[in-house]
Amino acid sequence: MEQKVKLHQVVIALGTNLGDKESNLSNAINQIKTKVGEVQKVSSIYKNSALGFESENEFFNACLICETKLNPFELLAQLKLIEREMGRTKTRDGYEDRIIDLDIIFFDDLIIATENLVIPHPAYKNRAFVLVPLNEIL
């Protein structure tokens, strides 16, 4: 008897402010399709200034809805892997310019609070660059 794998619905926020920003978002979405699961909806791009730090580089942000077989911690590991493979490096604590940033906003209706993972994302309600694209896809 074939066992059915449960699919989870996740919302992921994407952001970039370095290099070819449209290409960065497109590349990240393609990587999510390959490593995470089926992307069901993608918002349009929301452009905004840096929040929490000074930067001359405008941010391009978006949100997507995806179905995945991964659990929340496996999902986090895959998103961090995508960030590293795309060239993201952290040079300091706190906010800084980045080639890509991938955040889990929601995972089904789970509430998780660990040292490495908090779902729903703790700051999403205060960020127009998440709320506007999120509203579009929900």
C-alpha atoms as a PDB file:
ATOM      1  CA  MET A   1       0.000   0.000   0.000  1.00  0.00           C
ATOM      2  CA  GLU A   2       1.410   3.359  -1.055  1.00  0.00           C
ATOM      3  CA  GLN A   3       1.834   5.874   1.733  1.00  0.00           C
ATOM      4  CA  LYS A   4       0.800   9.416   0.891  1.00  0.00           C
ATOM      5  CA  VAL A   5       3.353  12.105   1.715  1.00  0.00           C
ATOM      6  CA  LYS A   6       1.922  15.177   3.409  1.00  0.00           C
ATOM      7  CA  LEU A   7       2.544  18.398   1.539  1.00  0.00           C
ATOM      8  CA  HIS A   8       3.020  21.547   3.558  1.00  0.00           C
ATOM      9  CA  GLN A   9       2.090  25.020   2.379  1.00  0.00           C
ATOM     10  CA  VAL A  10       4.762  27.610   3.045  1.00  0.00           C
ATOM     11  CA  VAL A  11       5.146  31.312   2.393  1.00  0.00           C
ATOM     12  CA  ILE A  12       8.668  32.520   1.647  1.00  0.00           C
ATOM     13  CA  ALA A  13       9.792  36.146   1.401  1.00  0.00           C
ATOM     14  CA  LEU A  14      12.633  36.974  -0.993  1.00  0.00           C
ATOM     15  CA  GLY A  15      14.810  40.074  -1.066  1.00  0.00           C
ATOM     16  CA  THR A  16      17.879  41.341  -2.909  1.00  0.00           C
ATOM     17  CA  ASN A  17      19.702  44.639  -3.293  1.00  0.00           C
ATOM     18  CA  LEU A  18      22.935  43.690  -5.066  1.00  0.00           C
ATOM     19  CA  GLY A  19      23.736  42.871  -8.693  1.00  0.00           C
ATOM     20  CA  ASP A  20      21.032  42.036 -11.236  1.00  0.00           C
ATOM     21  CA  LYS A  21      18.146  42.040  -8.775  1.00  0.00           C
ATOM     22  CA  GLU A  22      15.463  40.675 -11.110  1.00  0.00           C
ATOM     23  CA  SER A  23      17.789  37.846 -12.098  1.00  0.00           C
ATOM     24  CA  ASN A  24      18.604  37.173  -8.427  1.00  0.00           C
ATOM     25  CA  LEU A  25      14.902  36.773  -7.603  1.00  0.00           C
ATOM     26  CA  SER A  26      14.293  34.601 -10.664  1.00  0.00           C
ATOM     27  CA  ASN A  27      17.294  32.404  -9.855  1.00  0.00           C
ATOM     28  CA  ALA A  28      16.157  32.001  -6.231  1.00  0.00           C
ATOM     29  CA  ILE A  29      12.630  31.047  -7.338  1.00  0.00           C
ATOM     30  CA  ASN A  30      14.052  28.444  -9.735  1.00  0.00           C
ATOM     31  CA  GLN A  31      16.259  27.055  -6.958  1.00  0.00           C
ATOM     32  CA  ILE A  32      13.236  26.855  -4.639  1.00  0.00           C
ATOM     33  CA  LYS A  33      11.372  24.913  -7.353  1.00  0.00           C
ATOM     34  CA  THR A  34      14.298  22.481  -7.572  1.00  0.00           C
ATOM     35  CA  LYS A  35      15.221  22.079  -3.907  1.00  0.00           C
ATOM     36  CA  VAL A  36      12.017  22.840  -1.980  1.00  0.00           C
ATOM     37  CA  GLY A  37       8.873  22.083  -3.939  1.00  0.00           C
ATOM     38  CA  GLU A  38       6.180  23.312  -6.285  1.00  0.00           C
ATOM     39  CA  VAL A  39       5.842  27.084  -6.392  1.00  0.00           C
ATOM     40  CA  GLN A  40       2.147  27.916  -6.660  1.00  0.00           C
ATOM     41  CA  LYS A  41       2.091  31.722  -6.674  1.00  0.00           C
ATOM     42  CA  VAL A  42       4.669  34.483  -6.910  1.00  0.00           C
ATOM     43  CA  SER A  43       3.960  38.139  -6.174  1.00  0.00           C
ATOM     44  CA  SER A  44       5.121  41.009  -8.295  1.00  0.00           C
ATOM     45  CA  ILE A  45       8.306  42.795  -7.260  1.00  0.00           C
ATOM     46  CA  TYR A  46       8.060  45.383  -4.504  1.00  0.00           C
ATOM     47  CA  LYS A  47      10.833  47.996  -4.627  1.00  0.00           C
ATOM     48  CA  ASN A  48      11.914  49.817  -1.485  1.00  0.00           C
ATOM     49  CA  SER A  49      14.789  51.414   0.395  1.00  0.00           C
ATOM     50  CA  ALA A  50      16.865  49.508   2.927  1.00  0.00           C
ATOM     51  CA  LEU A  51      15.267  49.095   6.346  1.00  0.00           C
ATOM     52  CA  GLY A  52      17.375  48.867   9.495  1.00  0.00           C
ATOM     53  CA  PHE A  53      20.625  50.000   7.853  1.00  0.00           C
ATOM     54  CA  GLU A  54      21.963  52.585   5.409  1.00  0.00           C
ATOM     55  CA  SER A  55      22.408  51.535   1.785  1.00  0.00           C
ATOM     56  CA  GLU A  56      22.400  53.282  -1.563  1.00  0.00           C
ATOM     57  CA  ASN A  57      21.072  50.083  -3.157  1.00  0.00           C
ATOM     58  CA  GLU A  58      17.311  49.743  -3.643  1.00  0.00           C
ATOM     59  CA  PHE A  59      15.769  46.437  -2.553  1.00  0.00           C
ATOM     60  CA  PHE A  60      13.623  44.236  -4.755  1.00  0.00           C
ATOM     61  CA  ASN A  61      11.301  42.057  -2.657  1.00  0.00           C
ATOM     62  CA  ALA A  62       8.675  39.415  -3.405  1.00  0.00           C
ATOM     63  CA  CYS A  63       6.742  36.616  -1.698  1.00  0.00           C
ATOM     64  CA  LEU A  64       5.783  33.185  -2.923  1.00  0.00           C
ATOM     65  CA  ILE A  65       3.606  30.281  -1.877  1.00  0.00           C
ATOM     66  CA  CYS A  66       5.121  26.831  -2.214  1.00  0.00           C
ATOM     67  CA  GLU A  67       4.136  23.248  -1.409  1.00  0.00           C
ATOM     68  CA  THR A  68       6.886  21.134   0.109  1.00  0.00           C
ATOM     69  CA  LYS A  69       7.473  17.700   1.596  1.00  0.00           C
ATOM     70  CA  LEU A  70      10.206  19.164   3.807  1.00  0.00           C
ATOM     71  CA  ASN A  71       9.737  19.808   7.503  1.00  0.00           C
ATOM     72  CA  PRO A  72      10.415  23.370   8.780  1.00  0.00           C
ATOM     73  CA  PHE A  73      14.044  22.681   9.713  1.00  0.00           C
ATOM     74  CA  GLU A  74      14.796  20.936   6.407  1.00  0.00           C
ATOM     75  CA  LEU A  75      13.201  23.901   4.627  1.00  0.00           C
ATOM     76  CA  LEU A  76      15.384  26.353   6.551  1.00  0.00           C
ATOM     77  CA  ALA A  77      18.492  24.318   5.670  1.00  0.00           C
ATOM     78  CA  GLN A  78      17.575  24.325   1.953  1.00  0.00           C
ATOM     79  CA  LEU A  79      16.922  28.088   1.944  1.00  0.00           C
ATOM     80  CA  LYS A  80      20.279  28.748   3.638  1.00  0.00           C
ATOM     81  CA  LEU A  81      21.942  26.480   1.074  1.00  0.00           C
ATOM     82  CA  ILE A  82      20.342  28.424  -1.789  1.00  0.00           C
ATOM     83  CA  GLU A  83      21.550  31.694  -0.240  1.00  0.00           C
ATOM     84  CA  ARG A  84      25.123  30.361   0.048  1.00  0.00           C
ATOM     85  CA  GLU A  85      25.112  28.903  -3.482  1.00  0.00           C
ATOM     86  CA  MET A  86      23.940  32.269  -4.840  1.00  0.00           C
ATOM     87  CA  GLY A  87      26.856  33.981  -3.097  1.00  0.00           C
ATOM     88  CA  ARG A  88      25.344  35.380   0.077  1.00  0.00           C
ATOM     89  CA  THR A  89      27.905  36.063   2.764  1.00  0.00           C
ATOM     90  CA  LYS A  90      27.478  37.607   6.171  1.00  0.00           C
ATOM     91  CA  THR A  91      30.238  40.058   6.979  1.00  0.00           C
ATOM     92  CA  ARG A  92      28.744  41.363  10.236  1.00  0.00           C
ATOM     93  CA  ASP A  93      25.900  40.894  12.682  1.00  0.00           C
ATOM     94  CA  GLY A  94      22.748  42.733  11.741  1.00  0.00           C
ATOM     95  CA  TYR A  95      21.453  43.969   8.418  1.00  0.00           C
ATOM     96  CA  GLU A  96      23.625  44.542   5.362  1.00  0.00           C
ATOM     97  CA  ASP A  97      23.493  44.547   1.562  1.00  0.00           C
ATOM     98  CA  ARG A  98      22.796  41.065   0.205  1.00  0.00           C
ATOM     99  CA  ILE A  99      22.567  39.227  -3.079  1.00  0.00           C
ATOM    100  CA  ILE A 100      19.615  37.205  -1.750  1.00  0.00           C
ATOM    101  CA  ASP A 101      17.662  36.806   1.459  1.00  0.00           C
ATOM    102  CA  LEU A 102      15.089  34.029   1.901  1.00  0.00           C
ATOM    103  CA  ASP A 103      12.821  34.007   4.947  1.00  0.00           C
ATOM    104  CA  ILE A 104      10.111  31.563   5.989  1.00  0.00           C
ATOM    105  CA  ILE A 105       7.050  33.670   6.839  1.00  0.00           C
ATOM    106  CA  PHE A 106       4.517  30.867   7.387  1.00  0.00           C
ATOM    107  CA  PHE A 107       4.662  27.070   7.437  1.00  0.00           C
ATOM    108  CA  ASP A 108       1.134  25.635   7.395  1.00  0.00           C
ATOM    109  CA  ASP A 109      -0.370  27.007  10.602  1.00  0.00           C
ATOM    110  CA  LEU A 110       2.599  26.021  12.765  1.00  0.00           C
ATOM    111  CA  ILE A 111       4.028  28.176  15.517  1.00  0.00           C
ATOM    112  CA  ILE A 112       7.703  27.443  16.174  1.00  0.00           C
ATOM    113  CA  ALA A 113      10.091  29.287  18.473  1.00  0.00           C
ATOM    114  CA  THR A 114      13.622  27.897  18.614  1.00  0.00           C
ATOM    115  CA  GLU A 115      17.011  29.579  18.680  1.00  0.00           C
ATOM    116  CA  ASN A 116      17.454  29.105  14.917  1.00  0.00           C
ATOM    117  CA  LEU A 117      13.873  29.237  13.641  1.00  0.00           C
ATOM    118  CA  VAL A 118      10.810  31.302  14.519  1.00  0.00           C
ATOM    119  CA  ILE A 119       7.562  30.802  12.569  1.00  0.00           C
ATOM    120  CA  PRO A 120       5.600  32.898  11.801  1.00  0.00           C
ATOM    121  CA  HIS A 121       8.509  35.214  11.047  1.00  0.00           C
ATOM    122  CA  PRO A 122       8.621  37.611  14.009  1.00  0.00           C
ATOM    123  CA  ALA A 123       8.969  40.859  12.026  1.00  0.00           C
ATOM    124  CA  TYR A 124       6.757  40.271   8.977  1.00  0.00           C
ATOM    125  CA  LYS A 125       3.849  42.343  10.360  1.00  0.00           C
ATOM    126  CA  ASN A 126       6.076  45.429  10.534  1.00  0.00           C
ATOM    127  CA  ARG A 127       7.469  45.230   7.010  1.00  0.00           C
ATOM    128  CA  ALA A 128       5.590  46.665   4.050  1.00  0.00           C
ATOM    129  CA  PHE A 129       8.053  44.866   1.759  1.00  0.00           C
ATOM    130  CA  VAL A 130       6.573  41.592   3.061  1.00  0.00           C
ATOM    131  CA  LEU A 131       2.964  42.648   3.685  1.00  0.00           C
ATOM    132  CA  VAL A 132       2.300  44.184   0.259  1.00  0.00           C
ATOM    133  CA  PRO A 133       3.529  41.168  -1.789  1.00  0.00           C
ATOM    134  CA  LEU A 134       1.976  38.792   0.751  1.00  0.00           C
ATOM    135  CA  ASN A 135      -1.405  40.476   0.402  1.00  0.00           C
ATOM    136  CA  GLU A 136      -1.148  40.115  -3.366  1.00  0.00           C
ATOM    137  CA  ILE A 137      -0.663  36.331  -3.298  1.00  0.00           C
ATOM    138  CA  LEU A 138      -3.061  35.555  -0.448  1.00  0.00           C
END
